[in-house]
């Protein structure tokens, strides 16, 4: 009887611990807005480069991994739509984009991503400009979710495919490349930006700032690689009583080629 009582008390204690750990879980979850504020926008090309940059930047939110756009399905669907129906669906997608913009400005990036995805699932494929902006906006929202940067890069690439002169998409992708340590790709995108706008401040700074960083990284990688090769060589030579110190590379000043010189007693 005492054992049963002790067991019951232990179970109760576990439940209390679980309750304590999960007490604030519900309040910490992101809650969808009960209503979406309407807004009139004169410029239909507005995108979230006009960003709300305060707060939430460091929050590692995660978007729904199931969010995707099946363009094969959309292609088949669009064949069955009249011109008027396509126009109506474009307008519906525009409303979803504006809702996404509102969520973005409020720092609700997961909800913004969802709205842009729904818009992409509705907007007919014929409207390249509108779809390009939606992909770029979704990239901006994903970029705010620290675990979604690779997916954001993919969205920027899609935006550029739909609009090859979309400067803001190049800038956003370049920033994401740099944030994910893809420095060569970032430099190429910033160079591309300068072909559209030679006076672009960020791109000009980046094209001067990134090459030394790339060289520094390459030198570090080369040093690490040579170190690993040396360790491997020493492991192979050790049974013969030798090491890589017994071998010296000498460059021919005339040809630029290298030869290996063996030293029986290296210094």
C-alpha atoms as a PDB file:
ATOM      1  CA  UNK A   1       0.000   0.000   0.000  1.00  0.00           C
ATOM      2  CA  UNK A   2       2.838   2.345   0.853  1.00  0.00           C
ATOM      3  CA  UNK A   3       4.538   1.468  -2.440  1.00  0.00           C
ATOM      4  CA  UNK A   4       1.381   2.299  -4.389  1.00  0.00           C
ATOM      5  CA  UNK A   5       1.110   5.589  -2.536  1.00  0.00           C
ATOM      6  CA  UNK A   6       4.732   6.455  -3.298  1.00  0.00           C
ATOM      7  CA  UNK A   7       4.226   5.607  -6.969  1.00  0.00           C
ATOM      8  CA  UNK A   8       1.118   7.799  -7.125  1.00  0.00           C
ATOM      9  CA  UNK A   9       3.052  10.664  -5.546  1.00  0.00           C
ATOM     10  CA  UNK A  10       5.873  10.278  -8.046  1.00  0.00           C
ATOM     11  CA  UNK A  11       3.429  10.311 -10.978  1.00  0.00           C
ATOM     12  CA  UNK A  12       1.810  13.421  -9.554  1.00  0.00           C
ATOM     13  CA  UNK A  13       5.221  15.044  -9.222  1.00  0.00           C
ATOM     14  CA  UNK A  14       6.001  14.314 -12.891  1.00  0.00           C
ATOM     15  CA  UNK A  15       2.723  15.814 -13.949  1.00  0.00           C
ATOM     16  CA  UNK A  16       3.442  18.909 -11.924  1.00  0.00           C
ATOM     17  CA  UNK A  17       6.840  19.253 -13.583  1.00  0.00           C
ATOM     18  CA  UNK A  18       5.304  18.900 -17.060  1.00  0.00           C
ATOM     19  CA  UNK A  19       2.623  21.421 -16.203  1.00  0.00           C
ATOM     20  CA  UNK A  20       5.279  23.845 -14.954  1.00  0.00           C
ATOM     21  CA  UNK A  21       7.365  23.477 -18.129  1.00  0.00           C
ATOM     22  CA  UNK A  22       4.427  23.927 -20.477  1.00  0.00           C
ATOM     23  CA  UNK A  23       2.527  26.570 -18.540  1.00  0.00           C
ATOM     24  CA  UNK A  24       3.554  29.449 -20.794  1.00  0.00           C
ATOM     25  CA  UNK A  25       3.724  27.446 -24.025  1.00  0.00           C
ATOM     26  CA  UNK A  26       0.338  28.481 -25.339  1.00  0.00           C
ATOM     27  CA  UNK A  27       0.953  32.166 -24.752  1.00  0.00           C
ATOM     28  CA  UNK A  28       4.341  31.965 -26.499  1.00  0.00           C
ATOM     29  CA  UNK A  29       2.918  30.470 -29.677  1.00  0.00           C
ATOM     30  CA  UNK A  30       2.327  32.734 -32.661  1.00  0.00           C
ATOM     31  CA  UNK A  31      -1.371  33.394 -32.947  1.00  0.00           C
ATOM     32  CA  UNK A  32      -2.986  34.257 -36.279  1.00  0.00           C
ATOM     33  CA  UNK A  33      -4.695  37.616 -36.572  1.00  0.00           C
ATOM     34  CA  UNK A  34      -8.399  37.340 -36.191  1.00  0.00           C
ATOM     35  CA  UNK A  35      -8.882  39.846 -38.954  1.00  0.00           C
ATOM     36  CA  UNK A  36      -6.713  41.314 -41.696  1.00  0.00           C
ATOM     37  CA  UNK A  37      -6.542  45.055 -41.944  1.00  0.00           C
ATOM     38  CA  UNK A  38      -7.410  46.442 -45.347  1.00  0.00           C
ATOM     39  CA  UNK A  39      -5.252  49.105 -46.942  1.00  0.00           C
ATOM     40  CA  UNK A  40      -5.242  51.009 -50.191  1.00  0.00           C
ATOM     41  CA  UNK A  41      -1.941  51.088 -52.016  1.00  0.00           C
ATOM     42  CA  UNK A  42      -1.397  53.373 -54.982  1.00  0.00           C
ATOM     43  CA  UNK A  43       1.751  51.551 -56.176  1.00  0.00           C
ATOM     44  CA  UNK A  44       0.933  47.955 -57.127  1.00  0.00           C
ATOM     45  CA  UNK A  45       4.622  47.087 -57.256  1.00  0.00           C
ATOM     46  CA  UNK A  46       5.102  47.790 -53.535  1.00  0.00           C
ATOM     47  CA  UNK A  47       7.212  45.123 -51.954  1.00  0.00           C
ATOM     48  CA  UNK A  48       8.616  44.542 -48.520  1.00  0.00           C
ATOM     49  CA  UNK A  49      11.931  46.187 -49.190  1.00  0.00           C
ATOM     50  CA  UNK A  50      10.048  49.003 -47.455  1.00  0.00           C
ATOM     51  CA  UNK A  51      10.544  46.845 -44.411  1.00  0.00           C
ATOM     52  CA  UNK A  52       9.622  47.170 -40.795  1.00  0.00           C
ATOM     53  CA  UNK A  53      13.073  46.618 -39.310  1.00  0.00           C
ATOM     54  CA  UNK A  54      12.342  46.986 -35.621  1.00  0.00           C
ATOM     55  CA  UNK A  55      12.130  43.978 -33.335  1.00  0.00           C
ATOM     56  CA  UNK A  56      11.802  40.259 -34.064  1.00  0.00           C
ATOM     57  CA  UNK A  57      14.872  40.230 -36.298  1.00  0.00           C
ATOM     58  CA  UNK A  58      16.605  37.749 -34.012  1.00  0.00           C
ATOM     59  CA  UNK A  59      13.590  35.505 -33.501  1.00  0.00           C
ATOM     60  CA  UNK A  60      14.214  32.087 -34.999  1.00  0.00           C
ATOM     61  CA  UNK A  61      10.701  31.549 -36.310  1.00  0.00           C
ATOM     62  CA  UNK A  62      10.117  28.673 -38.703  1.00  0.00           C
ATOM     63  CA  UNK A  63       7.758  28.675 -41.628  1.00  0.00           C
ATOM     64  CA  UNK A  64       5.509  25.776 -42.564  1.00  0.00           C
ATOM     65  CA  UNK A  65       7.716  23.260 -44.434  1.00  0.00           C
ATOM     66  CA  UNK A  66       4.677  22.106 -46.439  1.00  0.00           C
ATOM     67  CA  UNK A  67       4.324  25.502 -48.083  1.00  0.00           C
ATOM     68  CA  UNK A  68       5.072  25.055 -51.764  1.00  0.00           C
ATOM     69  CA  UNK A  69       3.811  26.172 -55.149  1.00  0.00           C
ATOM     70  CA  UNK A  70       2.975  23.465 -57.691  1.00  0.00           C
ATOM     71  CA  UNK A  71       3.487  25.278 -60.995  1.00  0.00           C
ATOM     72  CA  UNK A  72       2.650  22.188 -63.052  1.00  0.00           C
ATOM     73  CA  UNK A  73      -0.776  22.186 -61.429  1.00  0.00           C
ATOM     74  CA  UNK A  74      -1.150  25.917 -62.006  1.00  0.00           C
ATOM     75  CA  UNK A  75      -0.225  25.522 -65.674  1.00  0.00           C
ATOM     76  CA  UNK A  76      -2.958  22.924 -66.188  1.00  0.00           C
ATOM     77  CA  UNK A  77      -5.440  24.980 -64.174  1.00  0.00           C
ATOM     78  CA  UNK A  78      -4.759  28.178 -66.107  1.00  0.00           C
ATOM     79  CA  UNK A  79      -5.560  26.473 -69.408  1.00  0.00           C
ATOM     80  CA  UNK A  80      -9.153  26.147 -68.227  1.00  0.00           C
ATOM     81  CA  UNK A  81      -9.529  29.769 -67.137  1.00  0.00           C
ATOM     82  CA  UNK A  82     -10.996  32.574 -69.183  1.00  0.00           C
ATOM     83  CA  UNK A  83      -9.175  35.892 -69.371  1.00  0.00           C
ATOM     84  CA  UNK A  84     -11.718  37.414 -67.013  1.00  0.00           C
ATOM     85  CA  UNK A  85     -11.263  34.575 -64.514  1.00  0.00           C
ATOM     86  CA  UNK A  86      -7.496  34.998 -64.600  1.00  0.00           C
ATOM     87  CA  UNK A  87      -7.850  38.714 -63.968  1.00  0.00           C
ATOM     88  CA  UNK A  88     -10.160  38.035 -61.037  1.00  0.00           C
ATOM     89  CA  UNK A  89      -7.681  35.560 -59.559  1.00  0.00           C
ATOM     90  CA  UNK A  90      -4.873  38.077 -59.960  1.00  0.00           C
ATOM     91  CA  UNK A  91      -6.934  40.585 -57.948  1.00  0.00           C
ATOM     92  CA  UNK A  92      -7.557  37.982 -55.255  1.00  0.00           C
ATOM     93  CA  UNK A  93      -3.814  37.292 -55.101  1.00  0.00           C
ATOM     94  CA  UNK A  94      -3.190  41.028 -54.742  1.00  0.00           C
ATOM     95  CA  UNK A  95      -5.422  41.134 -51.666  1.00  0.00           C
ATOM     96  CA  UNK A  96      -3.485  38.252 -50.135  1.00  0.00           C
ATOM     97  CA  UNK A  97      -0.235  40.056 -50.887  1.00  0.00           C
ATOM     98  CA  UNK A  98      -1.468  43.183 -49.097  1.00  0.00           C
ATOM     99  CA  UNK A  99      -2.468  41.051 -46.124  1.00  0.00           C
ATOM    100  CA  UNK A 100       1.030  39.574 -46.176  1.00  0.00           C
ATOM    101  CA  UNK A 101       2.518  43.060 -46.265  1.00  0.00           C
ATOM    102  CA  UNK A 102       0.516  44.020 -43.196  1.00  0.00           C
ATOM    103  CA  UNK A 103       1.688  40.930 -41.318  1.00  0.00           C
ATOM    104  CA  UNK A 104       5.261  41.680 -42.340  1.00  0.00           C
ATOM    105  CA  UNK A 105       5.108  45.256 -41.083  1.00  0.00           C
ATOM    106  CA  UNK A 106       3.812  43.939 -37.756  1.00  0.00           C
ATOM    107  CA  UNK A 107       6.735  41.536 -37.473  1.00  0.00           C
ATOM    108  CA  UNK A 108       4.540  38.463 -38.010  1.00  0.00           C
ATOM    109  CA  UNK A 109       6.774  36.840 -40.593  1.00  0.00           C
ATOM    110  CA  UNK A 110       5.366  33.313 -40.520  1.00  0.00           C
ATOM    111  CA  UNK A 111       1.863  34.604 -41.245  1.00  0.00           C
ATOM    112  CA  UNK A 112       3.262  36.888 -43.940  1.00  0.00           C
ATOM    113  CA  UNK A 113       4.968  33.929 -45.598  1.00  0.00           C
ATOM    114  CA  UNK A 114       1.701  32.000 -45.534  1.00  0.00           C
ATOM    115  CA  UNK A 115      -0.206  34.870 -47.184  1.00  0.00           C
ATOM    116  CA  UNK A 116       2.374  35.236 -49.951  1.00  0.00           C
ATOM    117  CA  UNK A 117       2.303  31.477 -50.547  1.00  0.00           C
ATOM    118  CA  UNK A 118      -1.483  31.503 -50.868  1.00  0.00           C
ATOM    119  CA  UNK A 119      -1.202  34.384 -53.307  1.00  0.00           C
ATOM    120  CA  UNK A 120       1.318  32.432 -55.392  1.00  0.00           C
ATOM    121  CA  UNK A 121      -1.006  29.444 -55.404  1.00  0.00           C
ATOM    122  CA  UNK A 122      -3.811  31.624 -56.789  1.00  0.00           C
ATOM    123  CA  UNK A 123      -2.089  34.119 -59.101  1.00  0.00           C
ATOM    124  CA  UNK A 124      -2.080  32.835 -62.723  1.00  0.00           C
ATOM    125  CA  UNK A 125       1.333  32.090 -64.220  1.00  0.00           C
ATOM    126  CA  UNK A 126       0.804  34.651 -66.987  1.00  0.00           C
ATOM    127  CA  UNK A 127       1.388  37.516 -64.537  1.00  0.00           C
ATOM    128  CA  UNK A 128       5.169  37.319 -64.282  1.00  0.00           C
ATOM    129  CA  UNK A 129       5.671  40.720 -62.668  1.00  0.00           C
ATOM    130  CA  UNK A 130       3.114  40.106 -59.927  1.00  0.00           C
ATOM    131  CA  UNK A 131       4.473  36.622 -59.199  1.00  0.00           C
ATOM    132  CA  UNK A 132       8.038  37.942 -59.131  1.00  0.00           C
ATOM    133  CA  UNK A 133       7.092  40.459 -56.432  1.00  0.00           C
ATOM    134  CA  UNK A 134       5.324  37.749 -54.452  1.00  0.00           C
ATOM    135  CA  UNK A 135       8.419  35.548 -54.498  1.00  0.00           C
ATOM    136  CA  UNK A 136      10.637  38.474 -53.488  1.00  0.00           C
ATOM    137  CA  UNK A 137       8.257  39.409 -50.653  1.00  0.00           C
ATOM    138  CA  UNK A 138       8.114  35.837 -49.447  1.00  0.00           C
ATOM    139  CA  UNK A 139      11.918  35.727 -49.529  1.00  0.00           C
ATOM    140  CA  UNK A 140      12.014  38.807 -47.296  1.00  0.00           C
ATOM    141  CA  UNK A 141       9.623  37.195 -44.815  1.00  0.00           C
ATOM    142  CA  UNK A 142      11.553  33.920 -44.796  1.00  0.00           C
ATOM    143  CA  UNK A 143      14.814  35.801 -44.322  1.00  0.00           C
ATOM    144  CA  UNK A 144      13.463  37.089 -41.010  1.00  0.00           C
ATOM    145  CA  UNK A 145      12.955  33.492 -39.885  1.00  0.00           C
ATOM    146  CA  UNK A 146      16.521  32.493 -39.120  1.00  0.00           C
ATOM    147  CA  UNK A 147      16.052  28.857 -40.230  1.00  0.00           C
ATOM    148  CA  UNK A 148      14.654  29.712 -43.657  1.00  0.00           C
ATOM    149  CA  UNK A 149      17.499  31.555 -45.373  1.00  0.00           C
ATOM    150  CA  UNK A 150      18.278  28.872 -47.954  1.00  0.00           C
ATOM    151  CA  UNK A 151      14.609  28.762 -48.889  1.00  0.00           C
ATOM    152  CA  UNK A 152      14.608  32.562 -49.103  1.00  0.00           C
ATOM    153  CA  UNK A 153      17.530  32.396 -51.549  1.00  0.00           C
ATOM    154  CA  UNK A 154      15.502  30.011 -53.711  1.00  0.00           C
ATOM    155  CA  UNK A 155      12.595  32.453 -53.703  1.00  0.00           C
ATOM    156  CA  UNK A 156      14.904  35.303 -54.759  1.00  0.00           C
ATOM    157  CA  UNK A 157      16.190  33.146 -57.602  1.00  0.00           C
ATOM    158  CA  UNK A 158      12.625  32.456 -58.714  1.00  0.00           C
ATOM    159  CA  UNK A 159      11.817  36.179 -58.597  1.00  0.00           C
ATOM    160  CA  UNK A 160      14.842  36.879 -60.798  1.00  0.00           C
ATOM    161  CA  UNK A 161      13.842  34.150 -63.248  1.00  0.00           C
ATOM    162  CA  UNK A 162      10.481  35.856 -63.652  1.00  0.00           C
ATOM    163  CA  UNK A 163      12.003  39.342 -63.871  1.00  0.00           C
ATOM    164  CA  UNK A 164      15.672  39.354 -64.860  1.00  0.00           C
ATOM    165  CA  UNK A 165      16.028  43.077 -64.108  1.00  0.00           C
ATOM    166  CA  UNK A 166      14.557  42.921 -60.598  1.00  0.00           C
ATOM    167  CA  UNK A 167      17.253  44.863 -58.770  1.00  0.00           C
ATOM    168  CA  UNK A 168      15.761  44.416 -55.284  1.00  0.00           C
ATOM    169  CA  UNK A 169      15.697  40.637 -55.705  1.00  0.00           C
ATOM    170  CA  UNK A 170      19.396  40.660 -56.598  1.00  0.00           C
ATOM    171  CA  UNK A 171      20.183  42.824 -53.565  1.00  0.00           C
ATOM    172  CA  UNK A 172      18.167  40.600 -51.248  1.00  0.00           C
ATOM    173  CA  UNK A 173      19.765  37.427 -52.613  1.00  0.00           C
ATOM    174  CA  UNK A 174      23.238  38.965 -52.302  1.00  0.00           C
ATOM    175  CA  UNK A 175      22.559  39.819 -48.655  1.00  0.00           C
ATOM    176  CA  UNK A 176      21.329  36.284 -47.977  1.00  0.00           C
ATOM    177  CA  UNK A 177      24.323  34.759 -49.738  1.00  0.00           C
ATOM    178  CA  UNK A 178      26.648  36.770 -47.526  1.00  0.00           C
ATOM    179  CA  UNK A 179      24.702  35.867 -44.379  1.00  0.00           C
ATOM    180  CA  UNK A 180      25.074  32.171 -45.275  1.00  0.00           C
ATOM    181  CA  UNK A 181      28.808  32.528 -46.043  1.00  0.00           C
ATOM    182  CA  UNK A 182      28.376  32.162 -49.801  1.00  0.00           C
ATOM    183  CA  UNK A 183      30.693  35.088 -50.397  1.00  0.00           C
ATOM    184  CA  UNK A 184      31.527  34.410 -54.053  1.00  0.00           C
ATOM    185  CA  UNK A 185      27.848  34.260 -54.975  1.00  0.00           C
ATOM    186  CA  UNK A 186      27.153  37.418 -52.949  1.00  0.00           C
ATOM    187  CA  UNK A 187      29.908  39.295 -54.789  1.00  0.00           C
ATOM    188  CA  UNK A 188      28.542  38.254 -58.178  1.00  0.00           C
ATOM    189  CA  UNK A 189      25.055  39.465 -57.264  1.00  0.00           C
ATOM    190  CA  UNK A 190      26.345  42.794 -55.966  1.00  0.00           C
ATOM    191  CA  UNK A 191      28.288  43.218 -59.220  1.00  0.00           C
ATOM    192  CA  UNK A 192      25.062  42.517 -61.105  1.00  0.00           C
ATOM    193  CA  UNK A 193      23.300  45.202 -59.067  1.00  0.00           C
ATOM    194  CA  UNK A 194      25.888  47.732 -60.225  1.00  0.00           C
ATOM    195  CA  UNK A 195      25.036  46.976 -63.864  1.00  0.00           C
ATOM    196  CA  UNK A 196      21.531  48.257 -63.107  1.00  0.00           C
ATOM    197  CA  UNK A 197      22.540  51.047 -60.723  1.00  0.00           C
ATOM    198  CA  UNK A 198      26.249  52.035 -60.735  1.00  0.00           C
ATOM    199  CA  UNK A 199      25.606  54.357 -57.790  1.00  0.00           C
ATOM    200  CA  UNK A 200      24.039  51.720 -55.547  1.00  0.00           C
ATOM    201  CA  UNK A 201      25.708  52.401 -52.186  1.00  0.00           C
ATOM    202  CA  UNK A 202      25.497  48.936 -50.636  1.00  0.00           C
ATOM    203  CA  UNK A 203      26.662  47.183 -53.795  1.00  0.00           C
ATOM    204  CA  UNK A 204      29.603  49.561 -54.201  1.00  0.00           C
ATOM    205  CA  UNK A 205      30.700  48.955 -50.617  1.00  0.00           C
ATOM    206  CA  UNK A 206      30.239  45.205 -50.981  1.00  0.00           C
ATOM    207  CA  UNK A 207      32.334  44.923 -54.137  1.00  0.00           C
ATOM    208  CA  UNK A 208      35.218  46.532 -52.242  1.00  0.00           C
ATOM    209  CA  UNK A 209      34.623  44.728 -48.958  1.00  0.00           C
ATOM    210  CA  UNK A 210      34.048  41.145 -50.124  1.00  0.00           C
ATOM    211  CA  UNK A 211      37.179  40.368 -52.224  1.00  0.00           C
ATOM    212  CA  UNK A 212      39.570  40.604 -49.219  1.00  0.00           C
ATOM    213  CA  UNK A 213      37.213  38.423 -47.189  1.00  0.00           C
ATOM    214  CA  UNK A 214      37.092  35.869 -50.007  1.00  0.00           C
ATOM    215  CA  UNK A 215      40.905  35.843 -50.263  1.00  0.00           C
ATOM    216  CA  UNK A 216      41.229  35.456 -46.502  1.00  0.00           C
ATOM    217  CA  UNK A 217      38.779  32.552 -46.521  1.00  0.00           C
ATOM    218  CA  UNK A 218      40.560  30.874 -49.452  1.00  0.00           C
ATOM    219  CA  UNK A 219      43.936  31.181 -47.734  1.00  0.00           C
ATOM    220  CA  UNK A 220      42.484  29.671 -44.581  1.00  0.00           C
ATOM    221  CA  UNK A 221      40.978  26.789 -46.553  1.00  0.00           C
ATOM    222  CA  UNK A 222      44.281  26.241 -48.379  1.00  0.00           C
ATOM    223  CA  UNK A 223      46.182  26.149 -45.088  1.00  0.00           C
ATOM    224  CA  UNK A 224      43.698  23.674 -43.624  1.00  0.00           C
ATOM    225  CA  UNK A 225      43.896  21.488 -46.734  1.00  0.00           C
ATOM    226  CA  UNK A 226      47.713  21.472 -46.740  1.00  0.00           C
ATOM    227  CA  UNK A 227      47.697  20.627 -43.047  1.00  0.00           C
ATOM    228  CA  UNK A 228      45.452  17.625 -43.665  1.00  0.00           C
ATOM    229  CA  UNK A 229      47.596  16.495 -46.604  1.00  0.00           C
ATOM    230  CA  UNK A 230      50.710  16.788 -44.433  1.00  0.00           C
ATOM    231  CA  UNK A 231      49.099  14.707 -41.698  1.00  0.00           C
ATOM    232  CA  UNK A 232      48.145  12.076 -44.281  1.00  0.00           C
ATOM    233  CA  UNK A 233      51.659  12.084 -45.733  1.00  0.00           C
ATOM    234  CA  UNK A 234      53.235  11.685 -42.309  1.00  0.00           C
ATOM    235  CA  UNK A 235      50.965   8.735 -41.583  1.00  0.00           C
ATOM    236  CA  UNK A 236      52.042   7.022 -44.826  1.00  0.00           C
ATOM    237  CA  UNK A 237      55.754   7.786 -44.394  1.00  0.00           C
ATOM    238  CA  UNK A 238      56.015   6.971 -40.689  1.00  0.00           C
ATOM    239  CA  UNK A 239      56.561   3.180 -41.199  1.00  0.00           C
ATOM    240  CA  UNK A 240      59.617   4.038 -43.317  1.00  0.00           C
ATOM    241  CA  UNK A 241      61.094   6.325 -40.697  1.00  0.00           C
ATOM    242  CA  UNK A 242      60.350   9.385 -42.789  1.00  0.00           C
ATOM    243  CA  UNK A 243      58.069  12.409 -42.635  1.00  0.00           C
ATOM    244  CA  UNK A 244      56.994  15.178 -44.958  1.00  0.00           C
ATOM    245  CA  UNK A 245      59.848  17.225 -43.517  1.00  0.00           C
ATOM    246  CA  UNK A 246      62.191  15.014 -45.580  1.00  0.00           C
ATOM    247  CA  UNK A 247      60.702  16.475 -48.753  1.00  0.00           C
ATOM    248  CA  UNK A 248      60.987  20.041 -49.965  1.00  0.00           C
ATOM    249  CA  UNK A 249      59.191  21.643 -52.898  1.00  0.00           C
ATOM    250  CA  UNK A 250      61.412  23.791 -55.070  1.00  0.00           C
ATOM    251  CA  UNK A 251      60.069  26.072 -57.774  1.00  0.00           C
ATOM    252  CA  UNK A 252      61.925  26.507 -61.054  1.00  0.00           C
ATOM    253  CA  UNK A 253      62.211  30.286 -61.599  1.00  0.00           C
ATOM    254  CA  UNK A 254      62.235  29.793 -65.358  1.00  0.00           C
ATOM    255  CA  UNK A 255      59.362  27.398 -65.911  1.00  0.00           C
ATOM    256  CA  UNK A 256      57.407  28.059 -62.734  1.00  0.00           C
ATOM    257  CA  UNK A 257      57.116  24.313 -62.212  1.00  0.00           C
ATOM    258  CA  UNK A 258      57.930  22.465 -59.005  1.00  0.00           C
ATOM    259  CA  UNK A 259      60.309  19.656 -58.197  1.00  0.00           C
ATOM    260  CA  UNK A 260      60.688  17.633 -55.016  1.00  0.00           C
ATOM    261  CA  UNK A 261      64.019  17.588 -53.199  1.00  0.00           C
ATOM    262  CA  UNK A 262      64.711  14.830 -50.684  1.00  0.00           C
ATOM    263  CA  UNK A 263      66.571  15.705 -47.470  1.00  0.00           C
ATOM    264  CA  UNK A 264      67.851  12.728 -45.473  1.00  0.00           C
ATOM    265  CA  UNK A 265      68.354  14.849 -42.354  1.00  0.00           C
ATOM    266  CA  UNK A 266      65.871  17.733 -42.391  1.00  0.00           C
ATOM    267  CA  UNK A 267      66.516  20.668 -40.110  1.00  0.00           C
END
